[in-house]
C-alpha atoms as a PDB file:
ATOM      1  CA  UNK A   1      18.783 -18.749   6.287  1.00  0.00           C
ATOM      2  CA  UNK A   2      16.970 -21.444   8.266  1.00  0.00           C
ATOM      3  CA  UNK A   3      15.941 -18.920  10.920  1.00  0.00           C
ATOM      4  CA  UNK A   4      14.772 -16.505   8.228  1.00  0.00           C
ATOM      5  CA  UNK A   5      12.798 -19.308   6.572  1.00  0.00           C
ATOM      6  CA  UNK A   6      11.010 -20.133   9.833  1.00  0.00           C
ATOM      7  CA  UNK A   7      10.279 -16.452  10.368  1.00  0.00           C
ATOM      8  CA  UNK A   8       8.638 -16.328   6.929  1.00  0.00           C
ATOM      9  CA  UNK A   9       6.550 -19.452   7.654  1.00  0.00           C
ATOM     10  CA  UNK A  10       5.463 -18.005  11.000  1.00  0.00           C
ATOM     11  CA  UNK A  11       4.592 -14.669   9.367  1.00  0.00           C
ATOM     12  CA  UNK A  12       2.490 -16.398   6.688  1.00  0.00           C
ATOM     13  CA  UNK A  13       0.669 -18.462   9.333  1.00  0.00           C
ATOM     14  CA  UNK A  14       0.065 -15.321  11.380  1.00  0.00           C
ATOM     15  CA  UNK A  15      -1.392 -13.558   8.336  1.00  0.00           C
ATOM     16  CA  UNK A  16      -3.678 -16.516   7.568  1.00  0.00           C
ATOM     17  CA  UNK A  17      -4.900 -16.502  11.147  1.00  0.00           C
ATOM     18  CA  UNK A  18      -5.649 -12.780  10.975  1.00  0.00           C
ATOM     19  CA  UNK A  19      -7.314 -13.308   7.582  1.00  0.00           C
ATOM     20  CA  UNK A  20      -9.788 -15.657   9.243  1.00  0.00           C
ATOM     21  CA  UNK A  21     -10.573 -12.923  11.756  1.00  0.00           C
ATOM     22  CA  UNK A  22     -11.027 -10.288   9.036  1.00  0.00           C
ATOM     23  CA  UNK A  23     -13.339 -12.646   7.166  1.00  0.00           C
ATOM     24  CA  UNK A  24     -15.283 -13.142  10.399  1.00  0.00           C
ATOM     25  CA  UNK A  25     -15.753  -9.371  10.638  1.00  0.00           C
ATOM     26  CA  UNK A  26     -17.030  -9.141   7.058  1.00  0.00           C
ATOM     27  CA  UNK A  27     -19.408 -12.069   7.510  1.00  0.00           C
ATOM     28  CA  UNK A  28     -20.694 -10.579  10.779  1.00  0.00           C
ATOM     29  CA  UNK A  29     -21.496  -7.421   8.770  1.00  0.00           C
ATOM     30  CA  UNK A  30     -23.741  -9.475   6.487  1.00  0.00           C
ATOM     31  CA  UNK A  31     -21.446 -10.267   3.578  1.00  0.00           C
ATOM     32  CA  UNK A  32     -22.055 -13.588   1.805  1.00  0.00           C
ATOM     33  CA  UNK A  33     -19.293 -16.150   2.550  1.00  0.00           C
ATOM     34  CA  UNK A  34     -19.073 -16.913  -1.193  1.00  0.00           C
ATOM     35  CA  UNK A  35     -18.470 -13.222  -1.946  1.00  0.00           C
ATOM     36  CA  UNK A  36     -15.779 -13.015   0.738  1.00  0.00           C
ATOM     37  CA  UNK A  37     -14.082 -16.149  -0.640  1.00  0.00           C
ATOM     38  CA  UNK A  38     -14.313 -14.842  -4.221  1.00  0.00           C
ATOM     39  CA  UNK A  39     -12.693 -11.505  -3.424  1.00  0.00           C
ATOM     40  CA  UNK A  40     -10.010 -13.116  -1.272  1.00  0.00           C
ATOM     41  CA  UNK A  41      -8.983 -15.361  -4.160  1.00  0.00           C
ATOM     42  CA  UNK A  42      -9.440 -12.828  -6.990  1.00  0.00           C
ATOM     43  CA  UNK A  43      -7.410 -10.086  -5.301  1.00  0.00           C
ATOM     44  CA  UNK A  44      -4.801 -12.643  -4.267  1.00  0.00           C
ATOM     45  CA  UNK A  45      -4.591 -13.674  -7.927  1.00  0.00           C
ATOM     46  CA  UNK A  46      -3.547 -10.133  -8.823  1.00  0.00           C
ATOM     47  CA  UNK A  47      -0.652 -10.306  -6.368  1.00  0.00           C
ATOM     48  CA  UNK A  48       0.468 -13.734  -7.635  1.00  0.00           C
ATOM     49  CA  UNK A  49       0.320 -12.540 -11.265  1.00  0.00           C
ATOM     50  CA  UNK A  50       2.766  -9.759 -10.358  1.00  0.00           C
ATOM     51  CA  UNK A  51       5.057 -12.407  -8.823  1.00  0.00           C
ATOM     52  CA  UNK A  52       4.717 -14.520 -11.984  1.00  0.00           C
ATOM     53  CA  UNK A  53       5.533 -11.528 -14.195  1.00  0.00           C
ATOM     54  CA  UNK A  54       8.696 -10.865 -12.182  1.00  0.00           C
ATOM     55  CA  UNK A  55       9.768 -14.534 -12.148  1.00  0.00           C
ATOM     56  CA  UNK A  56       8.774 -16.009 -15.517  1.00  0.00           C
ATOM     57  CA  UNK A  57      11.777 -18.325 -15.980  1.00  0.00           C
ATOM     58  CA  UNK A  58      10.871 -21.992 -15.725  1.00  0.00           C
ATOM     59  CA  UNK A  59       7.195 -21.269 -15.096  1.00  0.00           C
ATOM     60  CA  UNK A  60       6.125 -24.269 -17.201  1.00  0.00           C
ATOM     61  CA  UNK A  61       2.942 -22.633 -18.469  1.00  0.00           C
ATOM     62  CA  UNK A  62       3.064 -24.748 -21.649  1.00  0.00           C
ATOM     63  CA  UNK A  63       2.768 -28.011 -19.686  1.00  0.00           C
ATOM     64  CA  UNK A  64      -0.631 -29.698 -19.833  1.00  0.00           C
ATOM     65  CA  UNK A  65       0.066 -31.554 -16.588  1.00  0.00           C
ATOM     66  CA  UNK A  66       0.837 -28.287 -14.845  1.00  0.00           C
ATOM     67  CA  UNK A  67      -2.542 -26.894 -15.897  1.00  0.00           C
ATOM     68  CA  UNK A  68      -4.408 -30.071 -14.910  1.00  0.00           C
ATOM     69  CA  UNK A  69      -2.967 -30.432 -11.420  1.00  0.00           C
ATOM     70  CA  UNK A  70      -3.033 -26.674 -10.800  1.00  0.00           C
ATOM     71  CA  UNK A  71      -6.740 -26.698 -11.699  1.00  0.00           C
ATOM     72  CA  UNK A  72      -7.266 -29.477  -9.141  1.00  0.00           C
ATOM     73  CA  UNK A  73      -5.410 -27.325  -6.615  1.00  0.00           C
ATOM     74  CA  UNK A  74      -7.672 -24.429  -7.595  1.00  0.00           C
ATOM     75  CA  UNK A  75     -10.818 -26.438  -6.902  1.00  0.00           C
ATOM     76  CA  UNK A  76      -9.298 -27.394  -3.572  1.00  0.00           C
ATOM     77  CA  UNK A  77      -8.496 -23.830  -2.512  1.00  0.00           C
ATOM     78  CA  UNK A  78     -11.924 -22.639  -3.720  1.00  0.00           C
ATOM     79  CA  UNK A  79     -13.599 -25.204  -1.483  1.00  0.00           C
ATOM     80  CA  UNK A  80     -11.194 -24.458   1.350  1.00  0.00           C
ATOM     81  CA  UNK A  81     -11.925 -20.716   1.375  1.00  0.00           C
ATOM     82  CA  UNK A  82     -15.675 -21.168   0.910  1.00  0.00           C
ATOM     83  CA  UNK A  83     -16.285 -23.896   3.492  1.00  0.00           C
ATOM     84  CA  UNK A  84     -14.013 -22.110   5.968  1.00  0.00           C
ATOM     85  CA  UNK A  85     -16.098 -18.950   5.695  1.00  0.00           C
ATOM     86  CA  UNK A  86     -19.388 -20.884   5.810  1.00  0.00           C
ATOM     87  CA  UNK A  87     -18.158 -22.540   9.004  1.00  0.00           C
ATOM     88  CA  UNK A  88     -17.349 -19.103  10.440  1.00  0.00           C
ATOM     89  CA  UNK A  89     -20.785 -17.795   9.417  1.00  0.00           C
ATOM     90  CA  UNK A  90     -22.560 -20.712  11.078  1.00  0.00           C
ATOM     91  CA  UNK A  91     -20.288 -20.938  14.118  1.00  0.00           C
ATOM     92  CA  UNK A  92     -17.078 -19.196  15.118  1.00  0.00           C
ATOM     93  CA  UNK A  93     -13.611 -18.384  13.800  1.00  0.00           C
ATOM     94  CA  UNK A  94     -11.969 -20.507  16.511  1.00  0.00           C
ATOM     95  CA  UNK A  95     -13.911 -23.673  15.656  1.00  0.00           C
ATOM     96  CA  UNK A  96     -13.619 -23.167  11.882  1.00  0.00           C
ATOM     97  CA  UNK A  97      -9.846 -22.555  11.998  1.00  0.00           C
ATOM     98  CA  UNK A  98      -9.199 -25.564  14.219  1.00  0.00           C
ATOM     99  CA  UNK A  99     -11.300 -27.940  12.101  1.00  0.00           C
ATOM    100  CA  UNK A 100      -9.571 -26.708   8.947  1.00  0.00           C
ATOM    101  CA  UNK A 101      -6.250 -27.529  10.623  1.00  0.00           C
ATOM    102  CA  UNK A 102      -7.299 -31.209  10.431  1.00  0.00           C
ATOM    103  CA  UNK A 103      -6.256 -31.201   6.753  1.00  0.00           C
ATOM    104  CA  UNK A 104      -3.148 -33.408   7.340  1.00  0.00           C
ATOM    105  CA  UNK A 105      -5.461 -36.148   8.645  1.00  0.00           C
ATOM    106  CA  UNK A 106      -7.299 -36.166   5.312  1.00  0.00           C
ATOM    107  CA  UNK A 107      -3.941 -36.207   3.516  1.00  0.00           C
ATOM    108  CA  UNK A 108      -3.021 -39.345   5.443  1.00  0.00           C
ATOM    109  CA  UNK A 109      -6.348 -41.047   4.732  1.00  0.00           C
ATOM    110  CA  UNK A 110      -6.059 -40.359   0.994  1.00  0.00           C
ATOM    111  CA  UNK A 111      -2.423 -41.491   1.044  1.00  0.00           C
ATOM    112  CA  UNK A 112      -3.459 -44.731   2.759  1.00  0.00           C
ATOM    113  CA  UNK A 113      -6.281 -45.319   0.253  1.00  0.00           C
ATOM    114  CA  UNK A 114      -4.001 -44.849  -2.771  1.00  0.00           C
ATOM    115  CA  UNK A 115      -1.088 -46.671  -1.097  1.00  0.00           C
ATOM    116  CA  UNK A 116       1.097 -43.566  -1.251  1.00  0.00           C
ATOM    117  CA  UNK A 117       2.026 -44.069   2.387  1.00  0.00           C
ATOM    118  CA  UNK A 118       1.923 -46.983   4.819  1.00  0.00           C
ATOM    119  CA  UNK A 119      -0.165 -46.641   7.984  1.00  0.00           C
ATOM    120  CA  UNK A 120       1.360 -47.442  11.350  1.00  0.00           C
ATOM    121  CA  UNK A 121       0.202 -47.571  14.958  1.00  0.00           C
ATOM    122  CA  UNK A 122       1.272 -44.001  15.744  1.00  0.00           C
ATOM    123  CA  UNK A 123      -0.713 -42.570  12.841  1.00  0.00           C
ATOM    124  CA  UNK A 124      -3.897 -44.488  13.683  1.00  0.00           C
ATOM    125  CA  UNK A 125      -3.664 -43.512  17.361  1.00  0.00           C
ATOM    126  CA  UNK A 126      -3.031 -39.874  16.403  1.00  0.00           C
ATOM    127  CA  UNK A 127      -6.053 -39.816  14.123  1.00  0.00           C
ATOM    128  CA  UNK A 128      -8.199 -41.358  16.851  1.00  0.00           C
ATOM    129  CA  UNK A 129      -7.087 -38.590  19.221  1.00  0.00           C
ATOM    130  CA  UNK A 130      -7.988 -35.988  16.574  1.00  0.00           C
ATOM    131  CA  UNK A 131     -11.480 -37.494  16.341  1.00  0.00           C
ATOM    132  CA  UNK A 132     -11.822 -37.209  20.132  1.00  0.00           C
ATOM    133  CA  UNK A 133     -10.682 -33.599  19.868  1.00  0.00           C
ATOM    134  CA  UNK A 134     -13.291 -32.907  17.178  1.00  0.00           C
ATOM    135  CA  UNK A 135     -16.014 -34.427  19.369  1.00  0.00           C
ATOM    136  CA  UNK A 136     -15.011 -32.210  22.295  1.00  0.00           C
ATOM    137  CA  UNK A 137     -14.594 -29.084  20.163  1.00  0.00           C
ATOM    138  CA  UNK A 138     -17.892 -29.396  18.307  1.00  0.00           C
ATOM    139  CA  UNK A 139     -19.903 -30.678  21.282  1.00  0.00           C
ATOM    140  CA  UNK A 140     -21.714 -33.327  19.220  1.00  0.00           C
ATOM    141  CA  UNK A 141     -22.316 -35.229  22.459  1.00  0.00           C
ATOM    142  CA  UNK A 142     -24.571 -32.427  23.745  1.00  0.00           C
ATOM    143  CA  UNK A 143     -28.319 -32.386  23.248  1.00  0.00           C
ATOM    144  CA  UNK A 144     -30.110 -29.127  22.527  1.00  0.00           C
ATOM    145  CA  UNK A 145     -28.231 -25.843  22.524  1.00  0.00           C
ATOM    146  CA  UNK A 146     -24.615 -25.449  23.486  1.00  0.00           C
ATOM    147  CA  UNK A 147     -22.843 -27.436  20.829  1.00  0.00           C
ATOM    148  CA  UNK A 148     -21.527 -26.326  17.475  1.00  0.00           C
ATOM    149  CA  UNK A 149     -24.093 -26.552  14.670  1.00  0.00           C
ATOM    150  CA  UNK A 150     -23.865 -29.452  12.233  1.00  0.00           C
ATOM    151  CA  UNK A 151     -23.386 -27.020   9.339  1.00  0.00           C
ATOM    152  CA  UNK A 152     -20.504 -25.254  11.083  1.00  0.00           C
ATOM    153  CA  UNK A 153     -18.777 -28.524  12.008  1.00  0.00           C
ATOM    154  CA  UNK A 154     -19.358 -30.103   8.607  1.00  0.00           C
ATOM    155  CA  UNK A 155     -18.180 -27.033   6.706  1.00  0.00           C
ATOM    156  CA  UNK A 156     -15.094 -26.769   8.912  1.00  0.00           C
ATOM    157  CA  UNK A 157     -14.127 -30.368   8.202  1.00  0.00           C
ATOM    158  CA  UNK A 158     -14.871 -29.939   4.489  1.00  0.00           C
ATOM    159  CA  UNK A 159     -12.558 -26.913   4.444  1.00  0.00           C
ATOM    160  CA  UNK A 160      -9.818 -29.190   5.769  1.00  0.00           C
ATOM    161  CA  UNK A 161     -10.628 -31.853   3.173  1.00  0.00           C
ATOM    162  CA  UNK A 162     -10.498 -29.257   0.387  1.00  0.00           C
ATOM    163  CA  UNK A 163      -7.183 -27.974   1.707  1.00  0.00           C
ATOM    164  CA  UNK A 164      -5.893 -31.550   1.463  1.00  0.00           C
ATOM    165  CA  UNK A 165      -7.006 -31.576  -2.199  1.00  0.00           C
ATOM    166  CA  UNK A 166      -5.099 -28.325  -2.714  1.00  0.00           C
ATOM    167  CA  UNK A 167      -1.992 -29.909  -1.145  1.00  0.00           C
ATOM    168  CA  UNK A 168      -2.169 -32.940  -3.472  1.00  0.00           C
ATOM    169  CA  UNK A 169      -2.827 -30.766  -6.530  1.00  0.00           C
ATOM    170  CA  UNK A 170       0.092 -28.484  -5.696  1.00  0.00           C
ATOM    171  CA  UNK A 171       2.369 -31.464  -4.977  1.00  0.00           C
ATOM    172  CA  UNK A 172       1.673 -33.145  -8.333  1.00  0.00           C
ATOM    173  CA  UNK A 173       1.879 -29.848 -10.250  1.00  0.00           C
ATOM    174  CA  UNK A 174       5.213 -28.838  -8.696  1.00  0.00           C
ATOM    175  CA  UNK A 175       7.468 -30.998 -10.962  1.00  0.00           C
ATOM    176  CA  UNK A 176       5.976 -29.342 -14.052  1.00  0.00           C
ATOM    177  CA  UNK A 177       6.258 -25.627 -13.240  1.00  0.00           C
ATOM    178  CA  UNK A 178       7.026 -22.876 -10.769  1.00  0.00           C
ATOM    179  CA  UNK A 179       5.035 -22.219  -7.560  1.00  0.00           C
ATOM    180  CA  UNK A 180       3.883 -18.841  -8.871  1.00  0.00           C
ATOM    181  CA  UNK A 181       2.517 -20.439 -12.048  1.00  0.00           C
ATOM    182  CA  UNK A 182       0.663 -23.083 -10.028  1.00  0.00           C
ATOM    183  CA  UNK A 183      -0.845 -20.487  -7.715  1.00  0.00           C
ATOM    184  CA  UNK A 184      -1.818 -18.227 -10.619  1.00  0.00           C
ATOM    185  CA  UNK A 185      -3.731 -21.031 -12.344  1.00  0.00           C
ATOM    186  CA  UNK A 186      -5.235 -22.245  -9.063  1.00  0.00           C
ATOM    187  CA  UNK A 187      -6.535 -18.815  -8.052  1.00  0.00           C
ATOM    188  CA  UNK A 188      -7.841 -18.172 -11.580  1.00  0.00           C
ATOM    189  CA  UNK A 189      -9.832 -21.415 -11.311  1.00  0.00           C
ATOM    190  CA  UNK A 190     -11.089 -20.275  -7.889  1.00  0.00           C
ATOM    191  CA  UNK A 191     -12.353 -16.965  -9.305  1.00  0.00           C
ATOM    192  CA  UNK A 192     -14.017 -18.725 -12.241  1.00  0.00           C
ATOM    193  CA  UNK A 193     -15.760 -21.270 -10.022  1.00  0.00           C
ATOM    194  CA  UNK A 194     -16.923 -18.924  -7.256  1.00  0.00           C
ATOM    195  CA  UNK A 195     -18.295 -16.162  -9.503  1.00  0.00           C
ATOM    196  CA  UNK A 196     -21.394 -18.318 -10.078  1.00  0.00           C
ATOM    197  CA  UNK A 197     -22.601 -19.104  -6.529  1.00  0.00           C
ATOM    198  CA  UNK A 198     -21.564 -15.694  -5.129  1.00  0.00           C
ATOM    199  CA  UNK A 199     -24.395 -13.211  -4.619  1.00  0.00           C
ATOM    200  CA  UNK A 200     -24.208 -11.011  -7.742  1.00  0.00           C
ATOM    201  CA  UNK A 201     -25.663  -7.961  -6.002  1.00  0.00           C
ATOM    202  CA  UNK A 202     -23.156  -8.117  -3.162  1.00  0.00           C
ATOM    203  CA  UNK A 203     -20.307  -8.845  -5.576  1.00  0.00           C
ATOM    204  CA  UNK A 204     -20.930  -5.515  -7.304  1.00  0.00           C
ATOM    205  CA  UNK A 205     -21.792  -3.723  -4.053  1.00  0.00           C
ATOM    206  CA  UNK A 206     -18.319  -4.430  -2.624  1.00  0.00           C
ATOM    207  CA  UNK A 207     -16.777  -1.953  -5.071  1.00  0.00           C
ATOM    208  CA  UNK A 208     -18.630   1.001  -3.548  1.00  0.00           C
ATOM    209  CA  UNK A 209     -18.929  -0.282   0.008  1.00  0.00           C
ATOM    210  CA  UNK A 210     -17.068   1.150   3.027  1.00  0.00           C
ATOM    211  CA  UNK A 211     -15.879  -2.442   3.595  1.00  0.00           C
ATOM    212  CA  UNK A 212     -13.856  -2.515   0.368  1.00  0.00           C
ATOM    213  CA  UNK A 213     -10.611  -1.858   2.259  1.00  0.00           C
ATOM    214  CA  UNK A 214     -11.138  -5.000   4.352  1.00  0.00           C
ATOM    215  CA  UNK A 215     -11.697  -7.030   1.181  1.00  0.00           C
ATOM    216  CA  UNK A 216      -8.466  -5.648  -0.292  1.00  0.00           C
ATOM    217  CA  UNK A 217      -6.622  -6.397   2.950  1.00  0.00           C
ATOM    218  CA  UNK A 218      -7.994  -9.944   2.985  1.00  0.00           C
ATOM    219  CA  UNK A 219      -7.032 -10.588  -0.644  1.00  0.00           C
ATOM    220  CA  UNK A 220      -3.625  -8.920  -0.772  1.00  0.00           C
ATOM    221  CA  UNK A 221      -2.368 -10.438   2.458  1.00  0.00           C
ATOM    222  CA  UNK A 222      -4.653 -13.455   3.034  1.00  0.00           C
ATOM    223  CA  UNK A 223      -4.299 -14.994  -0.438  1.00  0.00           C
ATOM    224  CA  UNK A 224      -1.463 -13.086  -2.112  1.00  0.00           C
ATOM    225  CA  UNK A 225       1.586 -12.082  -0.105  1.00  0.00           C
ATOM    226  CA  UNK A 226       1.023 -14.808   2.499  1.00  0.00           C
ATOM    227  CA  UNK A 227       1.377 -17.573  -0.123  1.00  0.00           C
ATOM    228  CA  UNK A 228       4.507 -15.927  -1.529  1.00  0.00           C
ATOM    229  CA  UNK A 229       6.033 -15.553   1.940  1.00  0.00           C
ATOM    230  CA  UNK A 230       5.119 -19.121   2.921  1.00  0.00           C
ATOM    231  CA  UNK A 231       6.648 -20.702  -0.193  1.00  0.00           C
ATOM    232  CA  UNK A 232       9.837 -18.653   0.153  1.00  0.00           C
ATOM    233  CA  UNK A 233      10.016 -19.668   3.822  1.00  0.00           C
ATOM    234  CA  UNK A 234       9.573 -23.372   3.050  1.00  0.00           C
ATOM    235  CA  UNK A 235      12.580 -23.218   0.718  1.00  0.00           C
ATOM    236  CA  UNK A 236      14.803 -22.414   3.717  1.00  0.00           C
ATOM    237  CA  UNK A 237      13.098 -24.266   6.608  1.00  0.00           C
ATOM    238  CA  UNK A 238      12.934 -27.908   7.645  1.00  0.00           C
ATOM    239  CA  UNK A 239       9.415 -29.292   6.977  1.00  0.00           C
ATOM    240  CA  UNK A 240       9.080 -30.734  10.485  1.00  0.00           C
ATOM    241  CA  UNK A 241       9.847 -27.428  12.194  1.00  0.00           C
ATOM    242  CA  UNK A 242       7.687 -25.540   9.683  1.00  0.00           C
ATOM    243  CA  UNK A 243       4.760 -27.798  10.627  1.00  0.00           C
ATOM    244  CA  UNK A 244       5.072 -26.748  14.253  1.00  0.00           C
ATOM    245  CA  UNK A 245       5.398 -23.065  13.381  1.00  0.00           C
ATOM    246  CA  UNK A 246       2.309 -23.279  11.130  1.00  0.00           C
ATOM    247  CA  UNK A 247       0.206 -23.881  14.267  1.00  0.00           C
ATOM    248  CA  UNK A 248       0.373 -20.096  14.659  1.00  0.00           C
ATOM    249  CA  UNK A 249      -2.544 -19.849  12.182  1.00  0.00           C
ATOM    250  CA  UNK A 250      -5.373 -21.536  14.140  1.00  0.00           C
ATOM    251  CA  UNK A 251      -4.116 -20.095  17.426  1.00  0.00           C
ATOM    252  CA  UNK A 252      -4.082 -16.564  15.983  1.00  0.00           C
ATOM    253  CA  UNK A 253      -7.518 -17.008  14.401  1.00  0.00           C
ATOM    254  CA  UNK A 254      -8.932 -18.318  17.674  1.00  0.00           C
ATOM    255  CA  UNK A 255      -7.503 -15.435  19.688  1.00  0.00           C
ATOM    256  CA  UNK A 256      -8.854 -12.956  17.120  1.00  0.00           C
ATOM    257  CA  UNK A 257     -12.320 -14.465  17.461  1.00  0.00           C
ATOM    258  CA  UNK A 258     -12.286 -14.467  21.243  1.00  0.00           C
ATOM    259  CA  UNK A 259     -10.750 -11.005  21.725  1.00  0.00           C
ATOM    260  CA  UNK A 260     -12.245  -8.973  18.866  1.00  0.00           C
ATOM    261  CA  UNK A 261     -15.398 -10.848  17.852  1.00  0.00           C
ATOM    262  CA  UNK A 262     -16.542 -11.679  21.404  1.00  0.00           C
ATOM    263  CA  UNK A 263     -16.598 -15.412  20.728  1.00  0.00           C
ATOM    264  CA  UNK A 264     -16.342 -17.820  23.643  1.00  0.00           C
ATOM    265  CA  UNK A 265     -15.270 -21.408  24.152  1.00  0.00           C
ATOM    266  CA  UNK A 266     -16.213 -23.840  26.921  1.00  0.00           C
ATOM    267  CA  UNK A 267     -13.461 -25.651  28.821  1.00  0.00           C
ATOM    268  CA  UNK A 268     -14.076 -28.939  26.985  1.00  0.00           C
ATOM    269  CA  UNK A 269     -13.923 -27.103  23.657  1.00  0.00           C
ATOM    270  CA  UNK A 270     -10.546 -25.629  24.598  1.00  0.00           C
ATOM    271  CA  UNK A 271      -9.367 -29.134  25.530  1.00  0.00           C
ATOM    272  CA  UNK A 272     -10.601 -30.478  22.187  1.00  0.00           C
ATOM    273  CA  UNK A 273      -8.843 -27.668  20.353  1.00  0.00           C
ATOM    274  CA  UNK A 274      -5.590 -28.408  22.167  1.00  0.00           C
ATOM    275  CA  UNK A 275      -5.843 -32.130  21.330  1.00  0.00           C
ATOM    276  CA  UNK A 276      -6.361 -31.364  17.639  1.00  0.00           C
ATOM    277  CA  UNK A 277      -3.585 -28.785  17.338  1.00  0.00           C
ATOM    278  CA  UNK A 278      -0.952 -30.780  19.202  1.00  0.00           C
ATOM    279  CA  UNK A 279      -1.803 -34.115  17.549  1.00  0.00           C
ATOM    280  CA  UNK A 280      -2.037 -32.790  13.987  1.00  0.00           C
ATOM    281  CA  UNK A 281       1.274 -30.990  14.469  1.00  0.00           C
ATOM    282  CA  UNK A 282       2.828 -34.223  15.758  1.00  0.00           C
ATOM    283  CA  UNK A 283       1.468 -36.072  12.690  1.00  0.00           C
ATOM    284  CA  UNK A 284       3.000 -33.475  10.378  1.00  0.00           C
ATOM    285  CA  UNK A 285       6.356 -33.694  12.127  1.00  0.00           C
ATOM    286  CA  UNK A 286       6.220 -37.517  12.073  1.00  0.00           C
ATOM    287  CA  UNK A 287       5.748 -37.531   8.287  1.00  0.00           C
ATOM    288  CA  UNK A 288       8.527 -35.013   7.564  1.00  0.00           C
END
């Protein structure tokens, strides 16, 4: 079962990486990042509701704490999707996916601030290395053209911060209900929040656009089945090993961007990416 669990985690990470590439294709075609994020979450909600209907026992939907923390998780995933796609729109899939993968660093910082976890030398050194990796990846040391735009870098980091909020919301909601109930509430909050900033014309246009199949693909797999597969996989896999396997996501997204979207990375950017991926994975393993 452990091997099957890891296979599920790897499959979910692979799907998330491909989802970033599909979103990059839609954004390159002129679709608003808010619209892409809205449809990803709304269609994913449909899949999760089917899961909830099939597994209603112990869902905890009458718990006020479940609703509160799931709503926090929903705000987190709404920000995660949106800022991730904004970062892609302003930069590249490779940079956006790697910066989003910095989420565990934000988890540590929040944990330190609220005294949920004690800092040690390894963690501080690891976070310093991640900062160096971010500097190399984004090229903030360069003047003029050549580096990643401030909007792309900022949005990428904010997507990681929002993912950290999702992690905390999900963690605190978990004792009060089932994963499918938490995800259903979270994605419903996402759809409610993002319907306002999303371009209304494009939101309606999707329904009759030739791109509708890509939106369905992104939602069903990128925010529906992938979450189900990931949670099932985590139930049968050691957290430390799962953290390493999850690195499939940014690597897959980066390869998608380079191979299919004709994106390119300088040697120092590749070095920065490697520093971030390896160090964040080591941090995740260290905390498991």
